[in-house]
N, C-alpha and C. Protein backbone atom coordinates (compact mmCIF):
# COMPACT_ATOMS: atom_id res chain seq x y z
N MET A 1 -105.04 -19.83 -53.74
CA MET A 1 -105.08 -18.84 -53.13
C MET A 1 -104.95 -17.53 -54.12
N ARG A 2 -105.84 -16.62 -53.92
CA ARG A 2 -105.81 -15.43 -55.00
C ARG A 2 -104.65 -14.62 -54.83
N SER A 3 -104.27 -14.02 -55.94
CA SER A 3 -102.98 -13.21 -56.05
C SER A 3 -103.19 -12.05 -54.90
N LEU A 4 -102.26 -12.00 -54.08
CA LEU A 4 -102.17 -10.87 -53.02
C LEU A 4 -101.26 -9.82 -53.45
N ARG A 5 -101.79 -8.80 -53.94
CA ARG A 5 -101.03 -7.61 -54.38
C ARG A 5 -101.05 -6.55 -53.21
N GLY A 6 -99.93 -5.87 -53.14
CA GLY A 6 -99.82 -5.06 -52.17
C GLY A 6 -100.91 -3.83 -52.08
N ILE A 7 -101.30 -3.73 -51.14
CA ILE A 7 -102.21 -2.65 -50.85
C ILE A 7 -101.66 -1.69 -49.72
N LEU A 8 -100.95 -0.57 -50.28
CA LEU A 8 -100.48 0.38 -49.00
C LEU A 8 -101.29 1.45 -48.77
N ALA A 9 -101.89 1.55 -47.68
CA ALA A 9 -102.74 2.65 -47.56
C ALA A 9 -102.05 3.89 -46.74
N ALA A 10 -102.08 5.03 -47.54
CA ALA A 10 -101.48 6.28 -46.87
C ALA A 10 -102.45 7.15 -46.49
N ALA A 11 -102.44 7.28 -45.15
CA ALA A 11 -103.43 8.10 -44.48
C ALA A 11 -102.85 9.51 -44.13
N CYS A 12 -103.44 10.46 -44.48
CA CYS A 12 -103.15 11.82 -44.06
C CYS A 12 -104.25 12.39 -43.10
N LEU A 13 -103.80 13.12 -42.08
CA LEU A 13 -104.55 13.79 -41.07
C LEU A 13 -104.20 15.14 -41.21
N LEU A 14 -105.16 16.00 -41.66
CA LEU A 14 -104.92 17.50 -41.78
C LEU A 14 -105.72 18.22 -40.72
N THR A 15 -104.93 18.74 -39.76
CA THR A 15 -105.82 19.40 -38.69
C THR A 15 -105.57 20.87 -38.84
N CYS A 16 -106.57 21.71 -38.95
CA CYS A 16 -106.47 22.94 -39.36
C CYS A 16 -107.16 23.72 -38.21
N VAL A 17 -106.35 24.62 -37.40
CA VAL A 17 -106.91 25.43 -36.29
C VAL A 17 -106.81 26.74 -36.57
N ALA A 18 -107.83 27.60 -36.85
CA ALA A 18 -107.93 29.04 -37.10
C ALA A 18 -108.47 29.87 -35.92
N ALA A 19 -107.82 30.81 -35.70
CA ALA A 19 -108.20 31.80 -34.63
C ALA A 19 -108.44 33.07 -35.03
N CYS A 20 -109.41 33.72 -35.11
CA CYS A 20 -109.65 35.16 -35.42
C CYS A 20 -109.84 36.12 -34.34
N SER A 21 -109.33 37.04 -34.45
CA SER A 21 -109.65 38.03 -33.17
C SER A 21 -110.13 39.27 -33.81
N GLY A 22 -111.26 39.76 -33.25
CA GLY A 22 -111.80 41.09 -33.88
C GLY A 22 -111.31 42.13 -33.11
N GLY A 23 -111.14 43.35 -33.80
CA GLY A 23 -110.67 44.47 -33.22
C GLY A 23 -111.96 45.39 -32.69
N SER A 24 -111.66 46.17 -31.77
CA SER A 24 -112.65 47.04 -31.18
C SER A 24 -112.13 48.57 -31.16
N THR A 25 -112.95 49.48 -31.26
CA THR A 25 -112.60 50.86 -31.36
C THR A 25 -112.94 51.36 -30.10
N THR A 26 -112.01 52.25 -29.55
CA THR A 26 -112.34 52.96 -28.35
C THR A 26 -112.16 54.39 -28.52
N THR A 27 -112.90 55.22 -27.80
CA THR A 27 -112.80 56.56 -27.88
C THR A 27 -111.45 57.04 -27.10
N ALA A 28 -110.63 57.87 -27.56
CA ALA A 28 -109.43 58.29 -26.86
C ALA A 28 -109.83 59.09 -25.61
N ALA A 29 -109.28 58.90 -24.44
CA ALA A 29 -109.57 59.64 -23.30
C ALA A 29 -109.16 61.22 -23.58
N ALA A 30 -109.75 62.00 -22.78
CA ALA A 30 -109.41 63.47 -22.94
C ALA A 30 -107.87 63.74 -22.43
N PRO A 31 -107.07 64.46 -23.10
CA PRO A 31 -105.69 64.73 -22.65
C PRO A 31 -105.58 65.05 -21.10
N SER A 32 -106.50 65.81 -20.48
CA SER A 32 -106.45 66.14 -19.11
C SER A 32 -106.76 65.04 -18.26
N ALA A 33 -107.30 63.86 -18.48
CA ALA A 33 -107.55 62.70 -17.57
C ALA A 33 -106.62 61.85 -17.78
N PRO A 34 -105.65 61.60 -16.81
CA PRO A 34 -104.64 60.48 -16.72
C PRO A 34 -105.43 59.13 -16.60
N PRO A 35 -104.84 58.03 -17.27
CA PRO A 35 -105.46 56.87 -16.85
C PRO A 35 -105.62 56.53 -15.46
N SER A 36 -106.47 55.76 -15.06
CA SER A 36 -106.61 55.22 -13.65
C SER A 36 -105.59 54.17 -13.32
N SER A 37 -104.97 54.32 -12.32
CA SER A 37 -104.06 53.26 -11.89
C SER A 37 -104.82 52.11 -11.17
N THR A 38 -106.05 52.23 -10.71
CA THR A 38 -106.61 51.20 -10.07
C THR A 38 -107.52 50.33 -11.07
N THR A 39 -107.51 50.74 -12.38
CA THR A 39 -108.18 49.82 -13.45
C THR A 39 -107.36 48.59 -13.74
N ALA A 40 -107.78 47.44 -13.39
CA ALA A 40 -107.19 46.18 -13.61
C ALA A 40 -107.47 45.69 -14.99
N SER A 41 -106.24 45.14 -15.64
CA SER A 41 -106.64 44.74 -17.08
C SER A 41 -107.11 43.25 -16.84
N LYS A 42 -107.73 42.81 -17.87
CA LYS A 42 -108.21 41.37 -18.09
C LYS A 42 -107.01 40.58 -18.41
N PRO A 43 -106.75 39.45 -17.61
CA PRO A 43 -105.83 38.45 -18.11
C PRO A 43 -106.28 37.73 -19.39
N LYS A 44 -105.26 37.61 -20.22
CA LYS A 44 -105.68 36.79 -21.57
C LYS A 44 -105.99 35.40 -21.19
N PRO A 45 -106.88 34.79 -21.85
CA PRO A 45 -107.24 33.28 -21.52
C PRO A 45 -106.05 32.41 -21.93
N THR A 46 -105.74 31.51 -21.24
CA THR A 46 -104.71 30.58 -21.50
C THR A 46 -105.41 29.46 -22.44
N PRO A 47 -104.34 29.30 -23.73
CA PRO A 47 -105.12 28.38 -24.56
C PRO A 47 -105.05 26.92 -24.10
N THR A 48 -106.22 26.21 -24.34
CA THR A 48 -106.27 24.85 -23.80
C THR A 48 -105.29 23.99 -24.71
N PRO A 49 -104.46 23.20 -24.17
CA PRO A 49 -103.54 22.35 -24.93
C PRO A 49 -104.29 21.26 -25.61
N THR A 50 -104.16 20.87 -26.85
CA THR A 50 -104.70 19.77 -27.66
C THR A 50 -104.32 18.58 -26.99
N PRO A 51 -105.13 17.51 -26.46
CA PRO A 51 -104.64 16.48 -25.73
C PRO A 51 -104.17 15.31 -26.92
N THR A 52 -102.93 14.86 -26.53
CA THR A 52 -102.37 13.78 -27.31
C THR A 52 -103.07 12.49 -27.20
N PRO A 53 -103.48 12.02 -28.33
CA PRO A 53 -104.25 10.77 -28.30
C PRO A 53 -103.54 9.55 -27.55
N THR A 54 -104.13 8.76 -26.86
CA THR A 54 -103.31 7.69 -26.22
C THR A 54 -103.48 6.42 -26.82
N PRO A 55 -102.35 5.66 -27.33
CA PRO A 55 -102.60 4.54 -28.08
C PRO A 55 -103.49 3.42 -27.41
N PRO A 56 -104.38 2.86 -28.07
CA PRO A 56 -105.13 1.77 -27.41
C PRO A 56 -104.30 0.61 -26.89
N THR A 57 -104.79 0.08 -25.80
CA THR A 57 -104.06 -1.16 -25.22
C THR A 57 -104.45 -2.34 -26.21
N PHE A 58 -103.58 -3.03 -26.39
CA PHE A 58 -103.70 -4.19 -27.32
C PHE A 58 -103.01 -5.44 -26.54
N THR A 59 -103.76 -6.51 -26.53
CA THR A 59 -103.18 -7.96 -25.98
C THR A 59 -103.28 -8.88 -27.27
N PRO A 60 -102.06 -9.21 -27.84
CA PRO A 60 -102.15 -10.01 -29.06
C PRO A 60 -102.53 -11.40 -28.65
N VAL A 61 -103.12 -12.21 -29.40
CA VAL A 61 -103.27 -13.70 -29.23
C VAL A 61 -102.02 -14.37 -29.72
N VAL A 62 -101.59 -15.25 -28.96
CA VAL A 62 -100.37 -16.10 -29.34
C VAL A 62 -100.63 -17.42 -29.70
N SER A 63 -100.69 -17.94 -30.75
CA SER A 63 -100.96 -19.35 -31.22
C SER A 63 -102.37 -19.78 -30.87
N PRO A 64 -103.43 -19.01 -31.13
CA PRO A 64 -104.64 -19.47 -30.72
C PRO A 64 -105.00 -20.93 -31.44
N ALA A 65 -105.98 -21.83 -30.56
CA ALA A 65 -106.26 -22.87 -31.03
C ALA A 65 -107.18 -22.69 -32.20
N LYS A 66 -107.88 -21.75 -32.30
CA LYS A 66 -108.63 -21.43 -33.63
C LYS A 66 -108.25 -20.08 -34.02
N LEU A 67 -108.12 -19.82 -35.36
CA LEU A 67 -107.87 -18.58 -35.84
C LEU A 67 -109.28 -17.86 -36.17
N THR A 68 -109.44 -16.63 -35.69
CA THR A 68 -110.85 -16.11 -36.01
C THR A 68 -110.64 -14.79 -36.88
N GLY A 69 -109.30 -14.43 -36.99
CA GLY A 69 -109.01 -13.04 -37.88
C GLY A 69 -107.46 -12.85 -37.69
N ALA A 70 -107.24 -11.98 -38.60
CA ALA A 70 -105.81 -11.52 -38.79
C ALA A 70 -105.48 -10.42 -37.71
N CYS A 71 -106.32 -9.60 -37.45
CA CYS A 71 -106.09 -8.28 -36.72
C CYS A 71 -105.68 -8.73 -35.30
N PRO A 72 -106.33 -9.78 -34.65
CA PRO A 72 -105.87 -10.10 -33.22
C PRO A 72 -104.46 -10.47 -33.19
N LEU A 73 -103.70 -10.91 -34.39
CA LEU A 73 -102.27 -11.28 -34.16
C LEU A 73 -101.33 -10.10 -34.16
N LEU A 74 -101.80 -9.04 -34.35
CA LEU A 74 -100.59 -7.86 -34.72
C LEU A 74 -101.51 -6.53 -34.36
N GLY A 75 -100.99 -5.65 -33.34
CA GLY A 75 -101.53 -4.54 -33.04
C GLY A 75 -101.17 -3.45 -34.00
N ASN A 76 -101.99 -2.37 -34.05
CA ASN A 76 -101.84 -1.28 -34.89
C ASN A 76 -100.53 -0.50 -34.49
N VAL A 77 -100.54 -0.25 -33.20
CA VAL A 77 -99.34 0.56 -32.62
C VAL A 77 -98.18 -0.32 -32.75
N GLU A 78 -98.22 -1.49 -32.60
CA GLU A 78 -97.14 -2.63 -32.36
C GLU A 78 -96.43 -2.74 -33.82
N LEU A 79 -97.35 -2.80 -34.94
CA LEU A 79 -96.79 -2.76 -36.32
C LEU A 79 -96.18 -1.48 -36.57
N ALA A 80 -96.56 -0.27 -36.30
CA ALA A 80 -95.95 0.96 -36.49
C ALA A 80 -94.60 0.98 -35.79
N GLN A 81 -94.48 0.55 -34.54
CA GLN A 81 -93.31 0.49 -33.76
C GLN A 81 -92.27 -0.38 -34.41
N VAL A 82 -92.62 -1.45 -34.95
CA VAL A 82 -91.69 -2.45 -35.61
C VAL A 82 -91.22 -1.62 -36.97
N LEU A 83 -92.12 -1.09 -37.72
CA LEU A 83 -91.84 -0.37 -39.02
C LEU A 83 -91.01 0.93 -38.56
N GLY A 84 -91.18 1.36 -37.45
CA GLY A 84 -90.29 2.76 -37.26
C GLY A 84 -91.22 3.93 -37.86
N VAL A 85 -92.45 3.75 -37.76
CA VAL A 85 -93.16 4.95 -38.40
C VAL A 85 -94.11 5.44 -37.27
N ALA A 86 -94.78 6.63 -37.56
CA ALA A 86 -95.64 7.22 -36.53
C ALA A 86 -96.88 6.40 -36.38
N TRP A 87 -97.34 6.17 -35.38
CA TRP A 87 -98.72 5.56 -35.08
C TRP A 87 -99.83 6.37 -35.59
N ASN A 88 -100.64 5.74 -36.39
CA ASN A 88 -101.84 6.33 -36.94
C ASN A 88 -103.03 5.91 -36.17
N THR A 89 -103.89 6.89 -35.74
CA THR A 89 -104.83 6.58 -34.98
C THR A 89 -106.08 5.76 -35.48
N ARG A 90 -106.02 5.93 -36.93
CA ARG A 90 -107.00 4.88 -37.48
C ARG A 90 -106.82 3.39 -37.24
N GLU A 91 -107.88 2.81 -36.62
CA GLU A 91 -107.76 1.44 -36.11
C GLU A 91 -107.69 0.62 -37.51
N PRO A 92 -106.98 -0.65 -37.34
CA PRO A 92 -107.14 -1.62 -38.41
C PRO A 92 -108.49 -2.09 -38.71
N SER A 93 -108.65 -2.46 -39.78
CA SER A 93 -110.03 -3.09 -40.27
C SER A 93 -109.85 -4.60 -40.64
N GLU A 94 -110.59 -5.39 -40.07
CA GLU A 94 -110.72 -6.90 -40.34
C GLU A 94 -111.79 -7.17 -41.31
N MET A 95 -111.33 -7.76 -42.48
CA MET A 95 -112.05 -7.92 -43.58
C MET A 95 -112.92 -9.39 -43.46
N PRO A 96 -114.00 -9.42 -44.03
CA PRO A 96 -114.72 -10.75 -43.93
C PRO A 96 -113.73 -11.92 -44.43
N PRO A 97 -113.82 -13.00 -43.63
CA PRO A 97 -113.00 -14.18 -43.92
C PRO A 97 -113.45 -14.75 -45.36
N GLU A 98 -112.47 -15.23 -46.13
CA GLU A 98 -112.67 -15.90 -47.28
C GLU A 98 -112.57 -17.42 -47.22
N GLN A 99 -113.40 -18.29 -47.70
CA GLN A 99 -113.07 -19.74 -47.77
C GLN A 99 -112.36 -19.95 -49.04
N LEU A 100 -111.14 -20.52 -48.84
CA LEU A 100 -110.27 -20.94 -49.96
C LEU A 100 -110.09 -22.40 -49.92
N GLY A 101 -110.91 -23.24 -50.71
CA GLY A 101 -110.59 -24.73 -50.64
C GLY A 101 -110.83 -25.22 -49.34
N PRO A 102 -109.88 -25.86 -48.77
CA PRO A 102 -109.90 -26.57 -47.35
C PRO A 102 -109.65 -25.65 -46.29
N GLY A 103 -109.16 -24.37 -46.74
CA GLY A 103 -108.71 -23.46 -45.67
C GLY A 103 -109.46 -22.23 -45.71
N LYS A 104 -109.14 -21.29 -44.73
CA LYS A 104 -109.83 -19.97 -44.66
C LYS A 104 -108.78 -18.94 -44.52
N ALA A 105 -109.00 -17.82 -45.28
CA ALA A 105 -107.99 -16.71 -45.25
C ALA A 105 -108.85 -15.52 -44.63
N PHE A 106 -107.77 -14.76 -43.81
CA PHE A 106 -108.32 -13.62 -43.05
C PHE A 106 -107.33 -12.48 -43.55
N ARG A 107 -107.86 -11.21 -43.43
CA ARG A 107 -107.07 -10.09 -43.91
C ARG A 107 -107.37 -8.92 -43.01
N CYS A 108 -106.32 -8.26 -42.62
CA CYS A 108 -106.41 -7.09 -41.78
C CYS A 108 -105.67 -6.00 -42.47
N SER A 109 -106.47 -4.87 -42.55
CA SER A 109 -105.97 -3.65 -43.19
C SER A 109 -105.51 -2.69 -42.20
N TYR A 110 -104.23 -2.28 -42.19
CA TYR A 110 -103.61 -1.36 -41.30
C TYR A 110 -103.26 -0.06 -42.07
N PRO A 111 -103.12 1.14 -41.45
CA PRO A 111 -102.82 2.24 -42.13
C PRO A 111 -101.57 2.20 -42.94
N VAL A 112 -100.69 1.26 -42.43
CA VAL A 112 -99.33 1.16 -43.11
C VAL A 112 -99.10 -0.22 -43.85
N GLY A 113 -100.22 -0.92 -44.06
CA GLY A 113 -100.03 -2.26 -44.85
C GLY A 113 -101.12 -3.13 -44.52
N GLU A 114 -100.91 -4.42 -45.03
CA GLU A 114 -101.96 -5.50 -44.99
C GLU A 114 -101.21 -6.79 -44.35
N LEU A 115 -102.12 -7.36 -43.45
CA LEU A 115 -101.61 -8.77 -43.11
C LEU A 115 -102.66 -9.79 -43.40
N TYR A 116 -102.15 -10.77 -44.08
CA TYR A 116 -103.16 -11.88 -44.60
C TYR A 116 -102.76 -12.98 -43.80
N VAL A 117 -103.72 -13.86 -43.20
CA VAL A 117 -103.31 -15.04 -42.66
C VAL A 117 -104.37 -16.10 -43.27
N LEU A 118 -103.62 -17.29 -43.56
CA LEU A 118 -104.28 -18.44 -44.17
C LEU A 118 -104.00 -19.64 -43.26
N ALA A 119 -105.24 -20.42 -42.87
CA ALA A 119 -105.12 -21.52 -42.07
C ALA A 119 -105.76 -22.72 -42.96
N VAL A 120 -104.82 -23.76 -43.09
CA VAL A 120 -105.30 -24.96 -43.77
C VAL A 120 -105.18 -26.12 -42.91
N SER A 121 -106.23 -27.12 -42.74
CA SER A 121 -106.04 -28.41 -42.15
C SER A 121 -105.19 -29.23 -42.69
N GLY A 122 -104.46 -30.06 -42.00
CA GLY A 122 -103.66 -30.96 -42.37
C GLY A 122 -102.14 -30.70 -42.42
N GLY A 123 -101.29 -31.60 -43.03
CA GLY A 123 -99.88 -31.46 -43.01
C GLY A 123 -99.35 -30.82 -44.35
N LYS A 124 -99.88 -29.89 -44.89
CA LYS A 124 -99.33 -29.40 -46.15
C LYS A 124 -98.05 -28.77 -45.91
N SER A 125 -97.29 -28.67 -46.92
CA SER A 125 -95.88 -28.22 -46.88
C SER A 125 -95.86 -26.71 -46.81
N PRO A 126 -95.00 -26.08 -45.55
CA PRO A 126 -95.00 -24.70 -45.50
C PRO A 126 -94.04 -24.10 -46.51
N ALA A 127 -92.93 -24.92 -46.91
CA ALA A 127 -91.92 -24.43 -47.78
C ALA A 127 -92.69 -24.18 -49.27
N ALA A 128 -93.61 -25.16 -49.55
CA ALA A 128 -94.35 -24.94 -50.82
C ALA A 128 -95.31 -23.80 -50.87
N MET A 129 -95.85 -23.51 -49.67
CA MET A 129 -96.81 -22.21 -49.72
C MET A 129 -96.01 -20.95 -49.66
N VAL A 130 -94.99 -21.00 -49.12
CA VAL A 130 -94.05 -19.80 -49.04
C VAL A 130 -93.47 -19.65 -50.51
N LYS A 131 -92.98 -20.54 -51.09
CA LYS A 131 -92.46 -20.53 -52.46
C LYS A 131 -93.59 -19.99 -53.47
N GLN A 132 -94.88 -20.29 -53.23
CA GLN A 132 -95.94 -19.76 -54.12
C GLN A 132 -96.15 -18.40 -53.84
N LEU A 133 -96.05 -17.96 -52.68
CA LEU A 133 -96.33 -16.52 -52.39
C LEU A 133 -94.85 -15.59 -52.89
N GLU A 134 -93.91 -16.25 -52.86
CA GLU A 134 -92.62 -15.58 -53.11
C GLU A 134 -92.56 -15.32 -54.78
N SER A 135 -93.47 -15.94 -55.49
CA SER A 135 -93.62 -15.84 -56.91
C SER A 135 -93.80 -14.22 -57.20
N GLU A 136 -94.25 -13.59 -56.23
CA GLU A 136 -94.71 -12.12 -56.44
C GLU A 136 -93.33 -11.33 -56.15
N CYS A 137 -92.33 -11.79 -55.80
CA CYS A 137 -91.11 -10.98 -55.57
C CYS A 137 -90.44 -10.64 -56.80
N SER A 138 -89.80 -9.39 -56.78
CA SER A 138 -89.12 -9.02 -58.19
C SER A 138 -87.69 -9.32 -58.06
N ASP A 139 -87.11 -9.68 -56.83
CA ASP A 139 -85.95 -10.02 -56.45
C ASP A 139 -85.77 -11.31 -55.68
N PRO A 140 -84.64 -12.10 -55.62
CA PRO A 140 -84.59 -13.41 -54.90
C PRO A 140 -85.10 -12.99 -53.44
N PRO A 141 -85.91 -13.90 -52.91
CA PRO A 141 -86.27 -13.79 -51.61
C PRO A 141 -85.12 -14.09 -50.54
N LYS A 142 -85.13 -13.45 -49.41
CA LYS A 142 -84.11 -13.66 -48.48
C LYS A 142 -84.72 -14.51 -47.29
N PRO A 143 -84.12 -15.55 -46.88
CA PRO A 143 -84.71 -16.48 -45.78
C PRO A 143 -84.58 -15.68 -44.42
N VAL A 144 -85.37 -16.06 -43.57
CA VAL A 144 -85.33 -15.47 -42.26
C VAL A 144 -85.26 -16.84 -41.32
N ALA A 145 -84.28 -16.90 -40.53
CA ALA A 145 -84.07 -18.05 -39.44
C ALA A 145 -84.74 -17.67 -38.19
N GLY A 146 -85.50 -18.57 -37.66
CA GLY A 146 -85.89 -18.40 -36.30
C GLY A 146 -87.26 -17.83 -36.29
N ALA A 147 -88.00 -17.92 -37.51
CA ALA A 147 -89.36 -17.63 -37.62
C ALA A 147 -90.19 -18.54 -38.31
N GLY A 148 -91.02 -19.15 -37.34
CA GLY A 148 -91.87 -20.33 -37.75
C GLY A 148 -91.02 -21.32 -38.32
N GLU A 149 -91.53 -22.27 -39.35
CA GLU A 149 -90.81 -23.30 -39.88
C GLU A 149 -90.10 -22.68 -41.11
N VAL A 150 -90.79 -21.82 -41.89
CA VAL A 150 -90.29 -21.37 -43.20
C VAL A 150 -90.65 -19.72 -43.15
N ALA A 151 -89.55 -19.01 -43.37
CA ALA A 151 -89.92 -17.51 -43.45
C ALA A 151 -88.86 -16.87 -44.62
N SER A 152 -89.55 -15.84 -45.12
CA SER A 152 -88.61 -15.04 -46.10
C SER A 152 -89.17 -13.59 -46.12
N TYR A 153 -88.33 -12.76 -46.75
CA TYR A 153 -89.03 -11.40 -47.10
C TYR A 153 -88.34 -11.05 -48.55
N CYS A 154 -88.85 -10.10 -49.22
CA CYS A 154 -88.34 -9.67 -50.46
C CYS A 154 -89.00 -8.41 -50.81
N TYR A 155 -88.64 -7.85 -52.10
CA TYR A 155 -88.99 -6.63 -52.49
C TYR A 155 -89.88 -6.91 -53.88
N GLY A 156 -90.80 -6.28 -54.09
CA GLY A 156 -91.68 -6.81 -55.22
C GLY A 156 -92.30 -5.48 -55.84
N THR A 157 -93.10 -5.68 -56.90
CA THR A 157 -93.78 -4.89 -57.62
C THR A 157 -95.28 -4.80 -57.13
N GLY A 158 -95.79 -3.61 -57.25
CA GLY A 158 -97.02 -3.41 -56.80
C GLY A 158 -97.15 -3.01 -55.17
N TYR A 159 -96.17 -3.49 -54.59
CA TYR A 159 -96.00 -3.23 -53.13
C TYR A 159 -94.48 -3.01 -52.93
N SER A 160 -94.06 -2.63 -51.92
CA SER A 160 -92.57 -2.44 -51.59
C SER A 160 -91.82 -3.69 -50.87
N SER A 161 -92.51 -4.13 -49.95
CA SER A 161 -91.88 -5.29 -49.11
C SER A 161 -92.98 -6.46 -48.82
N LEU A 162 -92.34 -7.50 -48.92
CA LEU A 162 -93.37 -8.77 -48.66
C LEU A 162 -92.64 -9.69 -47.70
N VAL A 163 -93.31 -9.94 -46.57
CA VAL A 163 -92.84 -10.74 -45.45
C VAL A 163 -93.80 -12.00 -45.47
N VAL A 164 -93.13 -13.26 -45.40
CA VAL A 164 -94.14 -14.52 -45.50
C VAL A 164 -93.41 -15.41 -44.39
N VAL A 165 -94.33 -15.95 -43.51
CA VAL A 165 -94.04 -16.85 -42.57
C VAL A 165 -95.19 -17.91 -42.59
N ALA A 166 -94.47 -19.33 -42.33
CA ALA A 166 -95.54 -20.54 -42.40
C ALA A 166 -94.90 -21.47 -41.22
N LYS A 167 -95.87 -21.95 -40.70
CA LYS A 167 -95.74 -22.98 -39.64
C LYS A 167 -96.86 -23.97 -39.40
N HIS A 168 -96.63 -25.07 -38.86
CA HIS A 168 -97.84 -26.03 -38.19
C HIS A 168 -98.13 -25.71 -37.05
N ALA A 169 -99.37 -25.58 -36.63
CA ALA A 169 -99.93 -25.22 -35.39
C ALA A 169 -101.30 -25.77 -35.13
N HIS A 170 -101.60 -26.44 -34.02
CA HIS A 170 -102.92 -26.95 -33.80
C HIS A 170 -103.52 -27.71 -34.95
N GLY A 171 -102.74 -28.58 -35.63
CA GLY A 171 -103.18 -29.39 -36.62
C GLY A 171 -103.56 -28.60 -38.05
N GLN A 172 -102.97 -27.31 -38.14
CA GLN A 172 -103.03 -26.53 -39.27
C GLN A 172 -101.90 -26.31 -39.87
N LEU A 173 -101.78 -25.80 -41.06
CA LEU A 173 -100.69 -25.10 -41.75
C LEU A 173 -101.12 -23.63 -41.58
N ARG A 174 -100.42 -22.79 -41.04
CA ARG A 174 -100.75 -21.49 -40.68
C ARG A 174 -99.76 -20.55 -41.60
N VAL A 175 -100.25 -19.65 -42.39
CA VAL A 175 -99.33 -18.75 -43.21
C VAL A 175 -99.61 -17.22 -42.95
N ALA A 176 -98.61 -16.44 -42.68
CA ALA A 176 -98.90 -15.06 -42.62
C ALA A 176 -98.06 -14.30 -43.69
N GLU A 177 -98.66 -13.37 -44.17
CA GLU A 177 -98.13 -12.57 -45.32
C GLU A 177 -98.48 -11.19 -45.03
N VAL A 178 -97.36 -10.20 -44.94
CA VAL A 178 -97.51 -8.88 -44.83
C VAL A 178 -96.97 -8.04 -46.02
N GLU A 179 -97.85 -7.23 -46.40
CA GLU A 179 -97.42 -6.35 -47.54
C GLU A 179 -97.36 -4.85 -47.06
N MET A 180 -96.28 -4.34 -47.31
CA MET A 180 -96.07 -2.89 -46.73
C MET A 180 -95.23 -1.98 -47.42
N GLY A 181 -94.80 -0.85 -47.08
CA GLY A 181 -93.90 -0.15 -47.71
C GLY A 181 -92.42 -0.58 -47.57
N ARG A 182 -91.52 -0.28 -48.53
CA ARG A 182 -90.09 -0.81 -48.44
C ARG A 182 -89.60 -0.44 -47.12
N SER A 183 -89.02 -1.59 -46.49
CA SER A 183 -88.53 -1.58 -45.27
C SER A 183 -87.03 -2.14 -45.18
N ARG A 184 -86.28 -1.77 -44.25
CA ARG A 184 -85.01 -2.34 -44.01
C ARG A 184 -84.97 -3.92 -43.79
N ALA A 185 -83.89 -4.59 -44.06
CA ALA A 185 -83.77 -6.01 -43.74
C ALA A 185 -84.06 -6.32 -42.39
N ASP A 186 -83.60 -5.63 -41.39
CA ASP A 186 -83.75 -5.88 -40.04
C ASP A 186 -85.08 -5.81 -39.43
N VAL A 187 -86.09 -4.77 -40.27
CA VAL A 187 -87.24 -4.56 -39.93
C VAL A 187 -88.08 -5.76 -40.43
N CYS A 188 -87.86 -6.17 -41.60
CA CYS A 188 -88.52 -7.49 -42.15
C CYS A 188 -88.26 -8.68 -41.37
N GLU A 189 -87.05 -8.85 -40.93
CA GLU A 189 -86.80 -10.06 -40.03
C GLU A 189 -87.33 -10.00 -38.57
N SER A 190 -87.54 -8.82 -38.14
CA SER A 190 -88.12 -8.67 -36.78
C SER A 190 -89.51 -8.92 -37.04
N LEU A 191 -90.26 -8.57 -37.97
CA LEU A 191 -91.66 -8.64 -38.32
C LEU A 191 -91.95 -10.29 -38.41
N ALA A 192 -91.00 -10.91 -39.31
CA ALA A 192 -91.32 -12.30 -39.48
C ALA A 192 -90.91 -13.15 -38.26
N LYS A 193 -90.24 -12.78 -37.35
CA LYS A 193 -90.13 -13.47 -35.94
C LYS A 193 -91.35 -13.27 -35.29
N LEU A 194 -91.72 -12.01 -35.09
CA LEU A 194 -92.84 -11.72 -34.23
C LEU A 194 -94.16 -12.56 -34.86
N LEU A 195 -94.28 -12.59 -36.17
CA LEU A 195 -95.44 -13.41 -36.63
C LEU A 195 -95.30 -14.83 -36.50
N GLY A 196 -94.08 -15.29 -36.58
CA GLY A 196 -93.76 -16.79 -36.26
C GLY A 196 -94.04 -17.16 -34.88
N GLU A 197 -94.05 -16.21 -33.93
CA GLU A 197 -94.57 -16.62 -32.56
C GLU A 197 -95.99 -16.60 -32.39
N ARG A 198 -96.55 -15.70 -33.16
CA ARG A 198 -98.16 -15.56 -33.06
C ARG A 198 -98.92 -16.60 -33.73
N LEU A 199 -98.39 -16.95 -34.99
CA LEU A 199 -99.31 -17.99 -35.76
C LEU A 199 -99.64 -19.27 -34.74
């Protein structure tokens, strides 16, 4: 499997609303003519509020018989909620799958991180796969109980946080790896457990 370096996408949305009003000149009324009391003033138009975008509905696939991508396993809004960050309206992008030996690798690019999913047929060792991915950690990985067969998280170089989960499902070894900004331990553990259910 190719080296998976962290690719943290930082998206900035700059909305600039400018309003300009032009002045008009009016001729002053003669002092002897008082203003008419029957003249009605025009009401100022009420500004139209900018609608708040509605998050798209997302129904994740849960342990599908056949993996067809990484994005169907984890929604954009869902990932933002787990990480405790603002939802970004940019939808995640599914990259073309890669054939890696006997397995297939999928990658989903989110505004706040990357999700890689690998599916390999047969009874390969999940612990060996997780250990290989943990080689990118800059500090000792911390195991996560109750997430797949083997799961851990760590902090590394080139990215801030790495969460890895592996389990056997539907005759395959399935591995999920998330690279994202530095996150608290409870956030990494929650994400590992969520992916453990989805693989």
